[in-house]
Every structure is written in C-alpha cells, then in structure tokens.
N, C-alpha and C. Protein backbone atom coordinates (compact mmCIF):
# COMPACT_ATOMS: atom_id res chain seq x y z
N MET A 1 126.70 80.23 127.35
CA MET A 1 125.73 79.68 126.47
C MET A 1 125.21 78.29 127.29
N GLU A 2 126.09 77.74 128.07
CA GLU A 2 125.62 76.45 128.72
C GLU A 2 124.66 76.85 129.74
N TRP A 3 124.72 77.97 130.45
CA TRP A 3 123.72 78.36 131.39
C TRP A 3 122.41 78.60 130.83
N VAL A 4 122.40 79.34 129.58
CA VAL A 4 121.17 79.51 128.95
C VAL A 4 120.37 78.29 128.58
N ARG A 5 121.22 77.18 128.18
CA ARG A 5 120.63 75.90 127.65
C ARG A 5 120.00 75.29 128.90
N PHE A 6 120.82 75.42 130.07
CA PHE A 6 120.36 74.71 131.27
C PHE A 6 119.13 75.40 131.90
N GLY A 7 119.04 76.73 131.74
CA GLY A 7 117.79 77.54 132.19
C GLY A 7 116.61 77.17 131.38
N ILE A 8 116.78 77.18 130.09
CA ILE A 8 115.65 76.80 129.23
C ILE A 8 115.20 75.41 129.49
N GLY A 9 116.04 74.45 129.48
CA GLY A 9 115.75 73.04 129.76
C GLY A 9 115.10 72.85 131.08
N SER A 10 115.57 73.53 132.18
CA SER A 10 114.99 73.43 133.50
C SER A 10 113.64 74.01 133.50
N LEU A 11 113.33 75.18 132.83
CA LEU A 11 112.07 75.72 132.77
C LEU A 11 111.08 74.86 132.14
N CYS A 12 111.56 74.11 131.08
CA CYS A 12 110.53 73.15 130.28
C CYS A 12 110.19 72.12 131.19
N ILE A 13 111.15 71.61 131.98
CA ILE A 13 111.08 70.40 132.85
C ILE A 13 110.02 70.87 133.98
N LEU A 14 110.17 72.10 134.52
CA LEU A 14 109.33 72.60 135.64
C LEU A 14 107.90 72.78 135.11
N CYS A 15 107.84 73.35 133.94
CA CYS A 15 106.45 73.54 133.25
C CYS A 15 105.82 72.17 133.14
N GLY A 16 106.54 71.28 132.60
CA GLY A 16 105.92 69.86 132.47
C GLY A 16 105.38 69.22 133.66
N LEU A 17 106.25 69.44 134.73
CA LEU A 17 105.89 68.91 136.08
C LEU A 17 104.67 69.62 136.73
N ALA A 18 104.63 70.86 136.50
CA ALA A 18 103.42 71.67 137.02
C ALA A 18 102.11 71.20 136.29
N ILE A 19 102.29 71.08 135.04
CA ILE A 19 101.16 70.53 134.28
C ILE A 19 100.69 69.25 134.67
N ALA A 20 101.62 68.36 135.03
CA ALA A 20 101.33 66.91 135.56
C ALA A 20 100.63 67.00 136.90
N VAL A 21 101.21 68.00 137.74
CA VAL A 21 100.59 68.23 139.15
C VAL A 21 99.00 68.55 138.91
N ILE A 22 98.86 69.64 138.03
CA ILE A 22 97.57 70.05 137.72
C ILE A 22 96.63 69.03 137.19
N ALA A 23 97.15 68.23 136.34
CA ALA A 23 96.25 67.17 135.72
C ALA A 23 95.93 66.14 136.74
N ALA A 24 97.07 65.73 137.76
CA ALA A 24 96.68 64.75 138.65
C ALA A 24 95.62 65.26 139.63
N PHE A 25 95.66 66.52 139.96
CA PHE A 25 94.57 67.08 140.71
C PHE A 25 93.21 66.91 140.08
N GLY A 26 93.11 67.16 138.79
CA GLY A 26 91.95 66.99 138.04
C GLY A 26 91.50 65.53 137.94
N LEU A 27 92.40 64.64 137.89
CA LEU A 27 92.02 63.20 137.96
C LEU A 27 91.23 62.85 139.38
N PHE A 28 91.69 63.53 140.35
CA PHE A 28 90.97 63.21 141.63
C PHE A 28 89.72 64.01 141.86
N LYS A 29 89.74 65.25 141.16
CA LYS A 29 88.47 66.10 141.36
C LYS A 29 87.21 65.67 140.64
N PHE A 30 87.54 65.26 139.40
CA PHE A 30 86.30 64.97 138.53
C PHE A 30 85.59 63.63 138.89
N ARG A 31 84.49 63.59 138.72
CA ARG A 31 83.53 62.44 139.10
C ARG A 31 83.41 61.34 138.12
N PHE A 32 83.39 61.81 136.83
CA PHE A 32 83.03 60.81 135.77
C PHE A 32 84.31 60.36 134.99
N ALA A 33 84.44 59.23 134.34
CA ALA A 33 85.51 58.79 133.76
C ALA A 33 85.94 59.52 132.51
N LEU A 34 84.88 60.14 131.77
CA LEU A 34 85.28 60.84 130.62
C LEU A 34 85.88 62.22 131.00
N ASN A 35 85.55 62.76 132.08
CA ASN A 35 86.10 64.00 132.52
C ASN A 35 87.60 63.69 132.90
N ARG A 36 87.70 62.64 133.68
CA ARG A 36 89.20 62.24 134.18
C ARG A 36 90.10 61.93 132.89
N MET A 37 89.54 61.43 131.96
CA MET A 37 90.26 61.08 130.83
C MET A 37 90.81 62.32 130.15
N HIS A 38 89.94 63.30 130.15
CA HIS A 38 90.42 64.68 129.55
C HIS A 38 91.57 65.25 130.42
N ALA A 39 91.46 65.08 131.70
CA ALA A 39 92.62 65.64 132.49
C ALA A 39 93.82 64.88 132.30
N ALA A 40 93.73 63.42 132.07
CA ALA A 40 94.88 62.72 131.83
C ALA A 40 95.41 62.94 130.43
N ALA A 41 94.63 63.35 129.50
CA ALA A 41 95.13 63.59 128.19
C ALA A 41 96.01 64.87 128.12
N ILE A 42 95.68 65.75 128.96
CA ILE A 42 96.47 67.00 129.06
C ILE A 42 97.99 66.58 129.52
N THR A 43 98.01 65.73 130.45
CA THR A 43 99.40 65.21 130.92
C THR A 43 100.15 64.40 129.83
N ASP A 44 99.39 63.63 129.01
CA ASP A 44 99.98 62.81 128.01
C ASP A 44 100.57 63.66 126.84
N THR A 45 99.86 64.73 126.53
CA THR A 45 100.28 65.60 125.35
C THR A 45 101.29 66.69 125.79
N LEU A 46 100.78 67.53 126.67
CA LEU A 46 101.54 68.78 127.01
C LEU A 46 102.63 68.51 128.02
N GLY A 47 102.21 67.79 129.14
CA GLY A 47 103.19 67.53 130.26
C GLY A 47 104.42 66.86 129.82
N ILE A 48 104.12 65.69 129.24
CA ILE A 48 105.21 64.82 128.67
C ILE A 48 106.08 65.48 127.73
N LEU A 49 105.38 66.16 126.81
CA LEU A 49 106.15 66.92 125.69
C LEU A 49 106.99 67.94 126.38
N MET A 50 106.62 68.71 127.40
CA MET A 50 107.50 69.70 127.98
C MET A 50 108.63 68.96 128.83
N VAL A 51 108.28 67.96 129.48
CA VAL A 51 109.44 67.26 130.19
C VAL A 51 110.55 66.72 129.28
N LEU A 52 110.07 66.04 128.25
CA LEU A 52 111.11 65.38 127.33
C LEU A 52 111.77 66.41 126.44
N LEU A 53 111.08 67.59 126.07
CA LEU A 53 111.64 68.63 125.40
C LEU A 53 112.87 69.28 126.35
N GLY A 54 112.48 69.44 127.53
CA GLY A 54 113.53 69.92 128.53
C GLY A 54 114.66 68.93 128.55
N LEU A 55 114.55 67.70 128.66
CA LEU A 55 115.62 66.71 128.62
C LEU A 55 116.39 66.76 127.35
N ILE A 56 115.68 67.03 126.21
CA ILE A 56 116.40 67.12 124.93
C ILE A 56 117.22 68.34 124.89
N ILE A 57 116.74 69.59 125.46
CA ILE A 57 117.49 70.64 125.48
C ILE A 57 118.82 70.52 126.46
N LEU A 58 118.52 69.89 127.64
CA LEU A 58 119.71 69.69 128.53
C LEU A 58 120.79 68.78 127.98
N ARG A 59 120.29 67.66 127.39
CA ARG A 59 121.17 66.74 126.72
C ARG A 59 122.01 67.30 125.56
N GLY A 60 121.32 68.11 124.76
CA GLY A 60 122.02 68.65 123.64
C GLY A 60 121.44 67.68 122.47
N PHE A 61 121.79 68.03 121.24
CA PHE A 61 121.26 67.39 120.11
C PHE A 61 122.24 66.33 119.75
N CYS A 62 121.78 65.07 120.14
CA CYS A 62 122.64 63.86 119.94
C CYS A 62 121.74 62.68 119.74
N PHE A 63 122.19 61.50 119.71
CA PHE A 63 121.29 60.30 119.47
C PHE A 63 120.39 60.06 120.48
N ASP A 64 120.64 60.44 121.69
CA ASP A 64 119.66 60.45 122.81
C ASP A 64 118.52 61.36 122.60
N SER A 65 118.84 62.43 122.09
CA SER A 65 117.81 63.35 121.64
C SER A 65 116.78 62.74 120.58
N LEU A 66 117.32 62.09 119.74
CA LEU A 66 116.54 61.42 118.77
C LEU A 66 115.64 60.34 119.51
N LYS A 67 116.07 59.62 120.35
CA LYS A 67 115.22 58.65 121.09
C LYS A 67 114.17 59.39 121.80
N LEU A 68 114.63 60.38 122.52
CA LEU A 68 113.54 61.24 123.27
C LEU A 68 112.44 61.86 122.33
N GLY A 69 112.85 62.21 121.22
CA GLY A 69 111.88 62.62 120.13
C GLY A 69 110.98 61.53 119.63
N LEU A 70 111.59 60.33 119.46
CA LEU A 70 110.65 59.28 119.15
C LEU A 70 109.72 58.86 120.26
N ILE A 71 110.08 59.06 121.42
CA ILE A 71 109.07 58.75 122.48
C ILE A 71 108.00 59.75 122.51
N ILE A 72 108.38 60.99 122.26
CA ILE A 72 107.25 62.00 122.06
C ILE A 72 106.24 61.71 121.05
N LEU A 73 106.86 61.31 119.87
CA LEU A 73 106.02 60.90 118.79
C LEU A 73 105.18 59.70 119.12
N PHE A 74 105.77 58.63 119.70
CA PHE A 74 104.91 57.48 120.24
C PHE A 74 103.83 57.91 121.07
N PHE A 75 104.09 58.83 121.92
CA PHE A 75 103.00 59.18 122.95
C PHE A 75 101.85 60.01 122.20
N TRP A 76 102.35 60.76 121.22
CA TRP A 76 101.27 61.57 120.52
C TRP A 76 100.50 60.67 119.60
N PHE A 77 100.97 59.58 119.14
CA PHE A 77 100.22 58.60 118.31
C PHE A 77 99.28 57.66 119.23
N ALA A 78 99.90 57.18 120.25
CA ALA A 78 99.24 56.25 121.12
C ALA A 78 98.13 56.78 122.08
N SER A 79 98.20 57.97 122.59
CA SER A 79 97.39 58.66 123.47
C SER A 79 95.99 58.78 122.98
N PRO A 80 95.80 59.45 121.72
CA PRO A 80 94.54 59.62 121.28
C PRO A 80 93.73 58.32 120.97
N VAL A 81 94.42 57.34 120.42
CA VAL A 81 93.84 56.02 120.15
C VAL A 81 93.37 55.31 121.46
N SER A 82 94.17 55.32 122.46
CA SER A 82 93.88 54.69 123.68
C SER A 82 92.64 55.41 124.41
N SER A 83 92.79 56.72 124.24
CA SER A 83 91.64 57.46 124.89
C SER A 83 90.37 57.30 124.17
N HIS A 84 90.39 57.20 122.95
CA HIS A 84 89.17 56.87 122.12
C HIS A 84 88.55 55.57 122.50
N LEU A 85 89.44 54.53 122.52
CA LEU A 85 88.88 53.22 122.81
C LEU A 85 88.32 53.21 124.27
N LEU A 86 88.94 53.89 125.26
CA LEU A 86 88.44 53.85 126.64
C LEU A 86 87.17 54.67 126.61
N ALA A 87 87.07 55.77 125.98
CA ALA A 87 85.74 56.60 125.94
C ALA A 87 84.65 55.74 125.33
N GLY A 88 84.86 55.07 124.24
CA GLY A 88 83.88 54.09 123.58
C GLY A 88 83.43 53.03 124.61
N LEU A 89 84.32 52.55 125.43
CA LEU A 89 83.98 51.50 126.36
C LEU A 89 83.13 52.18 127.41
N GLU A 90 83.56 53.35 127.76
CA GLU A 90 82.70 53.91 128.90
C GLU A 90 81.31 54.37 128.44
N VAL A 91 81.08 54.92 127.17
CA VAL A 91 79.86 55.07 126.61
C VAL A 91 79.03 53.84 126.53
N GLU A 92 79.63 52.78 126.24
CA GLU A 92 78.90 51.49 125.98
C GLU A 92 78.50 50.77 127.23
N ILE A 93 79.36 50.94 128.46
CA ILE A 93 78.85 50.19 129.54
C ILE A 93 78.17 51.11 130.74
N SER A 94 78.35 52.46 130.56
CA SER A 94 77.90 53.29 131.73
C SER A 94 76.48 53.54 131.72
N ASP A 95 75.79 53.26 132.85
CA ASP A 95 74.39 53.50 132.94
C ASP A 95 74.14 54.92 133.34
N ARG A 96 75.02 55.56 134.10
CA ARG A 96 74.80 56.88 134.57
C ARG A 96 75.16 58.01 133.55
N LEU A 97 75.76 57.59 132.42
CA LEU A 97 76.30 58.62 131.46
C LEU A 97 75.14 59.37 130.80
N LYS A 98 74.00 58.72 130.49
CA LYS A 98 72.98 59.44 129.85
C LYS A 98 72.29 60.43 130.77
N ASP A 99 72.46 60.31 132.14
CA ASP A 99 71.99 61.25 132.99
C ASP A 99 72.71 62.62 132.95
N ASN A 100 73.96 62.48 132.49
CA ASN A 100 74.81 63.74 132.49
C ASN A 100 75.19 64.16 130.99
N CYS A 101 74.95 63.28 130.06
CA CYS A 101 75.27 63.75 128.73
C CYS A 101 74.10 63.52 127.77
N GLU A 102 74.03 64.14 126.57
CA GLU A 102 73.05 63.73 125.65
C GLU A 102 73.70 62.94 124.61
N ILE A 103 73.35 61.66 124.63
CA ILE A 103 73.89 60.61 123.72
C ILE A 103 72.63 60.07 122.82
N GLU A 104 72.72 60.11 121.60
CA GLU A 104 71.69 59.52 120.79
C GLU A 104 71.76 58.06 120.81
N GLU A 105 70.76 57.21 120.72
CA GLU A 105 70.72 55.81 120.82
C GLU A 105 71.52 55.11 119.76
N ASN A 106 71.49 55.60 118.58
CA ASN A 106 72.24 54.95 117.52
C ASN A 106 73.70 55.28 117.67
N GLU A 107 74.26 56.42 118.23
CA GLU A 107 75.59 56.59 118.55
C GLU A 107 76.16 55.60 119.55
N ARG A 108 75.22 55.19 120.55
CA ARG A 108 75.61 54.40 121.57
C ARG A 108 75.85 53.01 121.17
N LYS A 109 75.28 52.65 120.01
CA LYS A 109 75.31 51.15 119.58
C LYS A 109 76.42 51.21 118.43
N GLY A 110 77.19 52.15 118.36
CA GLY A 110 78.34 52.09 117.35
C GLY A 110 77.85 52.85 115.99
N GLY A 111 76.67 53.40 115.98
CA GLY A 111 76.41 54.08 114.76
C GLY A 111 75.56 53.12 113.83
N GLN A 112 75.28 51.98 114.22
CA GLN A 112 74.56 51.05 113.25
C GLN A 112 73.04 51.40 113.53
N SER A 113 72.32 51.44 112.33
CA SER A 113 70.87 51.67 112.37
C SER A 113 70.10 50.43 112.06
C-alpha cells in the first residue's frame, strides 16, 4: 500500500512540474502581458494544486496535510484577485492593447459613463 501511495503522489508531483514547465514556456513565448498572465494562471491553479496534492498524498493525512491544503486554498483565492488587478492595470496603461483587442472606451475608464 505504501508503494501505491508513493506512486500516486510522485505522479501528481511530476504532472504539476510538467504543467509548470509548459506554463514557463508560455511566459516566454507570448508577447503581450495579458497572454502571459493567462499562462501564469495555469501554473497558479493547476500546477501548484498538483504538486501540493502530491505532497499531501506522500505525507499522509496529518496536520502537515492540513497546512498544505490551506496553502492550496490561499492560492486559489489570491491568484484570481491579483490577476484581475494586473489585467486592469494593463488595460489602463497599455497603448498597444487596442491594436490587438477590441475594448470599448467606457470599459477602459472603469465602466463610468
């Protein structure tokens, strides 16, 4: 039973690391900040989840697993908020953004008419 737990935990960690490598490639490949943020968000949600889930499985269900679960929860709450703030800042200050995206002028000013 110990080998099965070790195998599943290791597989989760390897999947998380593979997702992180793919997302890092996307960070360097994309030209615009909003596209880069999308690639980084994949790592925040799925990559970190898989790595920490693998660590929870390897460690077993104990107090350390609870701490790792709280870290997963924190990342899932903090990542969308920070991404939204950074995307709003990019929309507000980027001059090249309207060449590549369709943004209405009232959306650009925060929705005020």
